[in-house]
Protein backbone atom coordinates (compact mmCIF):
# COMPACT_ATOMS: atom_id res chain seq x y z
CA MET A 1 -12.82 -83.33 90.03
CA THR A 2 -13.69 -80.58 92.47
CA SER A 3 -16.94 -80.43 94.32
CA SER A 4 -18.11 -77.38 92.27
CA ALA A 5 -17.43 -79.21 89.03
CA ARG A 6 -19.29 -82.31 90.25
CA SER A 7 -22.17 -80.11 91.25
CA SER A 8 -22.18 -78.52 87.83
CA LEU A 9 -22.05 -81.78 86.05
CA ALA A 10 -24.88 -83.22 88.20
CA SER A 11 -26.98 -80.12 87.40
CA TRP A 12 -26.43 -80.52 83.62
CA LEU A 13 -27.21 -84.22 83.80
CA LEU A 14 -30.42 -83.51 85.63
CA LYS A 15 -31.44 -80.97 83.01
CA LEU A 16 -30.71 -83.32 80.15
CA THR A 17 -32.58 -86.08 81.82
CA SER A 18 -35.61 -83.87 82.29
CA ILE A 19 -35.56 -82.96 78.52
CA ALA A 20 -35.10 -86.55 77.48
CA ALA A 21 -37.98 -87.75 79.69
CA CYS A 22 -40.24 -85.05 78.14
CA LEU A 23 -39.26 -86.21 74.63
CA LEU A 24 -39.93 -89.86 75.47
CA VAL A 25 -43.33 -89.11 76.81
CA TRP A 26 -44.15 -87.03 73.71
CA GLN A 27 -42.87 -89.83 71.44
CA ALA A 28 -44.97 -92.41 73.17
CA ALA A 29 -48.13 -90.22 73.22
CA SER A 30 -47.77 -89.53 69.50
CA LYS A 31 -46.94 -93.08 68.48
CA PHE A 32 -49.87 -94.64 70.37
CA ARG A 33 -52.20 -91.70 69.49
CA ILE A 34 -53.20 -91.20 73.09
CA ASN A 35 -56.60 -89.51 73.53
CA LEU A 36 -57.36 -88.25 77.01
CA GLY A 37 -60.57 -86.50 75.97
CA VAL A 38 -59.44 -82.99 76.93
CA VAL A 39 -56.02 -83.48 75.26
CA THR A 40 -55.40 -85.66 72.22
CA PHE A 41 -52.23 -86.62 70.44
CA THR A 42 -53.97 -88.14 67.42
CA ASN A 43 -52.60 -85.63 64.91
CA VAL A 44 -49.57 -84.40 66.97
CA PRO A 45 -46.33 -85.25 65.17
CA ALA A 46 -43.75 -87.30 67.01
CA PRO A 47 -40.28 -85.89 67.83
CA THR A 48 -38.68 -88.09 65.24
CA ASP A 49 -41.05 -86.62 62.57
CA VAL A 50 -40.22 -83.15 63.81
CA LEU A 51 -36.47 -83.89 63.51
CA GLU A 52 -36.89 -85.13 59.95
CA ALA A 53 -38.74 -81.93 59.06
CA ALA A 54 -36.06 -79.76 60.75
CA VAL A 55 -33.33 -81.46 58.68
CA ALA A 56 -35.35 -80.99 55.49
CA LEU A 57 -35.83 -77.19 56.33
CA ALA A 58 -32.14 -76.81 57.17
CA GLN A 59 -31.19 -78.26 53.80
CA SER A 60 -33.65 -76.10 51.84
CA SER A 61 -33.07 -72.58 50.52
CA LYS A 62 -36.03 -71.17 52.35
CA VAL A 63 -34.50 -71.33 55.85
CA PHE A 64 -32.30 -68.31 55.23
CA ASP A 65 -35.16 -66.18 53.82
CA HIS A 66 -37.36 -66.95 56.75
CA VAL A 67 -34.82 -66.50 59.54
CA SER A 68 -33.25 -63.39 58.00
CA SER A 69 -36.61 -61.73 57.52
CA SER A 70 -37.70 -62.39 61.12
CA LEU A 71 -34.27 -61.26 62.50
CA ARG A 72 -34.40 -57.97 60.51
CA ARG A 73 -37.86 -57.12 61.66
CA VAL A 74 -37.14 -57.95 65.31
CA GLY A 75 -33.79 -56.13 65.09
CA VAL A 76 -35.17 -52.84 63.71
CA GLY A 77 -38.32 -52.74 65.91
CA TYR A 78 -36.35 -53.71 69.04
CA VAL A 79 -33.58 -51.18 68.61
CA ILE A 80 -36.14 -48.37 68.18
CA ALA A 81 -38.13 -49.63 71.15
CA ALA A 82 -34.94 -49.83 73.32
CA CYS A 83 -33.83 -46.27 72.44
CA LEU A 84 -37.20 -44.71 72.99
CA GLY A 85 -38.16 -46.85 76.06
CA ILE A 86 -35.00 -46.06 77.93
CA ALA A 87 -35.18 -42.37 77.09
CA LEU A 88 -38.80 -42.11 78.13
CA GLY A 89 -38.21 -44.19 81.21
CA LEU A 90 -35.37 -41.91 82.35
CA ALA A 91 -37.44 -38.84 81.74
CA VAL A 92 -40.50 -40.24 83.62
CA GLY A 93 -38.42 -41.69 86.53
CA ARG A 94 -36.51 -38.41 86.99
CA SER A 95 -39.19 -35.79 86.41
CA ARG A 96 -42.60 -35.52 87.98
CA ARG A 97 -43.74 -33.18 85.22
CA ALA A 98 -42.66 -35.69 82.59
CA ALA A 99 -44.48 -38.42 84.40
CA ASP A 100 -47.69 -36.38 84.55
CA LEU A 101 -47.44 -35.61 80.82
CA LEU A 102 -46.37 -38.96 79.47
CA LEU A 103 -47.62 -41.68 81.74
CA PRO A 104 -51.39 -41.23 81.26
CA PRO A 105 -51.34 -41.97 77.50
CA LEU A 106 -48.74 -44.59 77.82
CA GLU A 107 -50.74 -46.37 80.56
CA LEU A 108 -53.79 -46.18 78.42
CA LEU A 109 -51.95 -47.88 75.47
CA ARG A 110 -50.00 -50.43 77.48
CA PRO A 111 -52.85 -52.93 78.07
CA ILE A 112 -53.75 -53.15 74.39
CA PRO A 113 -52.35 -56.42 73.04
CA ALA A 114 -50.19 -56.39 70.02
CA VAL A 115 -52.71 -58.44 68.09
CA ALA A 116 -55.21 -55.59 68.37
CA TRP A 117 -52.66 -53.19 66.81
CA ILE A 118 -52.34 -55.22 63.64
CA PRO A 119 -55.39 -53.83 61.67
CA LEU A 120 -54.47 -50.27 62.63
CA ALA A 121 -50.79 -50.84 61.81
CA VAL A 122 -51.81 -52.05 58.30
CA LEU A 123 -53.75 -48.77 57.83
CA MET A 124 -51.02 -46.58 59.26
CA PHE A 125 -48.06 -47.82 57.28
CA PRO A 126 -47.74 -48.11 53.43
CA SER A 127 -46.08 -51.57 53.52
CA SER A 128 -46.68 -54.81 55.44
CA GLU A 129 -42.92 -54.82 56.29
CA ALA A 130 -43.18 -51.47 58.15
CA SER A 131 -46.38 -52.60 59.95
CA MET A 132 -44.74 -55.83 61.15
CA ILE A 133 -41.76 -53.83 62.43
CA TYR A 134 -44.19 -51.52 64.24
CA ILE A 135 -45.77 -54.54 66.00
CA THR A 136 -42.39 -55.74 67.25
CA PHE A 137 -41.67 -52.13 68.47
CA ILE A 138 -44.91 -51.98 70.42
CA GLY A 139 -44.29 -55.41 71.94
CA ALA A 140 -40.84 -54.43 73.23
CA LEU A 141 -41.51 -50.78 74.25
CA PHE A 142 -43.54 -51.17 77.38
CA PRO A 143 -41.44 -53.81 79.19
CA ILE A 144 -38.31 -51.71 78.56
CA LEU A 145 -40.07 -48.48 79.51
CA LEU A 146 -41.62 -49.78 82.82
CA ASN A 147 -38.43 -51.47 83.97
CA THR A 148 -36.43 -48.34 83.30
CA VAL A 149 -38.94 -46.23 85.32
CA HIS A 150 -38.78 -48.80 88.14
CA GLY A 151 -35.02 -48.80 88.17
CA VAL A 152 -34.71 -45.01 88.17
CA GLU A 153 -37.35 -44.56 90.91
CA ASN A 154 -35.53 -47.13 93.15
CA VAL A 155 -32.14 -45.45 92.90
CA ASP A 156 -30.83 -44.85 96.49
CA ALA A 157 -31.68 -41.23 97.33
CA ARG A 158 -28.44 -41.04 99.42
CA LEU A 159 -26.34 -41.56 96.32
CA ILE A 160 -28.04 -38.58 94.56
CA ALA A 161 -27.74 -36.45 97.72
CA SER A 162 -24.03 -37.31 97.92
CA ALA A 163 -23.47 -36.36 94.31
CA GLN A 164 -25.39 -33.12 94.80
CA SER A 165 -23.29 -32.24 97.89
CA LEU A 166 -20.17 -32.63 95.77
CA GLY A 167 -21.50 -30.11 93.22
CA ALA A 168 -22.53 -32.52 90.47
CA SER A 169 -24.77 -31.14 87.80
CA ARG A 170 -28.03 -32.78 86.84
CA GLY A 171 -26.41 -34.25 83.71
CA ALA A 172 -23.55 -35.66 85.75
CA ILE A 173 -25.91 -37.15 88.28
CA LEU A 174 -27.88 -38.82 85.50
CA ARG A 175 -24.73 -40.22 83.80
CA GLU A 176 -22.74 -41.20 86.85
CA VAL A 177 -25.28 -42.18 89.42
CA VAL A 178 -28.81 -42.76 88.02
CA ILE A 179 -28.09 -44.75 84.89
CA PRO A 180 -25.41 -47.09 86.56
CA ALA A 181 -27.79 -47.77 89.53
CA ALA A 182 -30.81 -48.37 87.26
CA ALA A 183 -28.78 -50.44 84.76
CA PRO A 184 -29.73 -53.87 86.15
CA SER A 185 -33.39 -53.12 85.97
CA ILE A 186 -32.94 -51.76 82.46
CA VAL A 187 -31.17 -54.93 81.37
CA THR A 188 -33.98 -56.97 82.77
CA GLY A 189 -36.52 -54.82 80.79
CA LEU A 190 -34.38 -55.29 77.59
CA ALA A 191 -34.40 -59.10 77.99
CA ILE A 192 -38.24 -59.19 78.63
CA GLY A 193 -38.74 -56.78 75.75
CA MET A 194 -36.86 -59.12 73.38
CA GLY A 195 -39.09 -61.99 74.32
CA THR A 196 -42.26 -60.01 73.80
CA SER A 197 -40.90 -58.67 70.57
CA TRP A 198 -40.55 -62.19 69.12
CA PHE A 199 -44.03 -63.06 70.32
CA CYS A 200 -45.51 -60.07 68.60
CA LEU A 201 -43.51 -60.59 65.47
CA VAL A 202 -44.80 -64.15 64.95
CA THR A 203 -48.38 -62.94 65.40
CA ALA A 204 -47.86 -60.24 62.82
CA GLU A 205 -46.17 -62.54 60.27
CA MET A 206 -49.01 -65.01 60.60
CA ILE A 207 -51.40 -62.37 59.29
CA SER A 208 -49.40 -60.13 56.85
CA GLY A 209 -46.02 -61.71 56.20
CA GLN A 210 -44.65 -63.39 53.15
CA PHE A 211 -41.43 -64.61 54.70
CA GLY A 212 -40.53 -65.17 58.31
CA ILE A 213 -40.71 -67.92 60.94
CA GLY A 214 -44.28 -66.89 61.89
CA TYR A 215 -45.45 -67.12 58.29
CA TYR A 216 -43.70 -70.39 57.85
CA THR A 217 -45.46 -71.84 60.96
CA TRP A 218 -48.89 -70.62 59.81
CA GLU A 219 -48.33 -71.84 56.22
CA SER A 220 -47.38 -75.20 57.55
CA TYR A 221 -50.73 -75.32 59.48
CA ILE A 222 -52.74 -74.31 56.33
CA LEU A 223 -50.95 -77.01 54.24
CA GLN A 224 -51.32 -79.54 57.13
CA ASN A 225 -47.59 -80.11 57.34
CA TYR A 226 -47.81 -80.71 61.12
CA PRO A 227 -44.17 -81.57 61.77
CA ASP A 228 -43.20 -78.18 60.25
CA ILE A 229 -45.45 -76.43 62.70
CA VAL A 230 -43.37 -77.70 65.62
CA VAL A 231 -40.17 -76.91 63.80
CA GLY A 232 -41.32 -73.30 63.51
CA MET A 233 -42.31 -73.25 67.13
CA VAL A 234 -38.99 -74.62 68.23
CA LEU A 235 -37.12 -72.26 65.99
CA ILE A 236 -39.01 -69.27 67.45
CA GLY A 237 -38.24 -70.49 70.99
CA VAL A 238 -34.53 -70.99 70.22
CA LEU A 239 -34.05 -67.57 68.58
CA GLY A 240 -36.09 -65.83 71.39
CA MET A 241 -34.20 -67.59 74.16
CA GLY A 242 -30.89 -67.05 72.48
CA SER A 243 -31.55 -63.31 72.09
CA SER A 244 -32.55 -62.95 75.74
CA VAL A 245 -29.55 -64.92 76.99
CA LEU A 246 -27.26 -62.75 74.78
CA LEU A 247 -28.77 -59.58 76.21
CA ARG A 248 -28.40 -60.79 79.78
CA TRP A 249 -24.73 -61.81 79.17
CA LEU A 250 -23.98 -58.38 77.67
CA GLY A 251 -25.78 -56.75 80.54
CA ALA A 252 -23.69 -58.69 83.08
CA ARG A 253 -20.49 -57.58 81.24
CA LEU A 254 -21.61 -53.98 81.15
CA THR A 255 -22.71 -53.89 84.80
CA PRO A 256 -19.96 -55.69 86.74
CA TRP A 257 -20.85 -53.77 89.93
CA ASN A 258 -24.16 -55.56 89.97
CA ASN A 259 -22.46 -58.90 89.95
CA LEU A 260 -20.21 -57.91 92.82
CA GLU A 261 -23.24 -56.87 94.87
CA GLY A 262 -24.95 -60.18 94.15
CA ALA A 263 -21.80 -62.06 95.22
CA ARG A 264 -21.76 -60.13 98.53
CA ARG A 265 -25.26 -61.27 99.33
């Protein structure tokens, strides 16, 4: 076994040990109903109970309805946010006039949390489905927009000057210089936006959903099915993490020049 393989194996063993230790502490705290005053595990389900609830959910017919509903809402809202966020980010990053026109209202709206948008979204859209998609859109839009602006503004001016000296048009500079140079930052924004999109979706589903992982989690709390609450939380985490990892993997494949620059460092 090579040294790199041994190092990789040791890293994975350390990660698995860390997860196992956390599960053991959680199991002991729930089993013995530890109460520290500030934090209590009296009603917290143990990992074994959560595993049983997860198996029961996997065997039921509801799991497909919940997961597919959440994936559809995130997918639609996120794609719209990605298209609009990248387009606006390129415009703001490349044009001072566009920045003066678009940034003031966007900066005014950006600090508003997604939860605060829910009542207005219900009034704005004729269906709860459209309002939940809008919440995921709002959650993903600003991370994508700001990272795109940051990436465009940090493009090396010498690259643009070199392209201009060779007679490249504004469109060619945008396609061949600006977008490739800003792509790593855009990919980072897309990954962050995916995470915030899931966070906002769960909040919206808790309030106005009928199906979805957020609705399942909130319904479990109302019915006092405490293990199901943790199952919903874990499912949200797995789907959110998996989506972000997939986006980063795709970004690495689409921007091989960034990987080469990182290897040189």
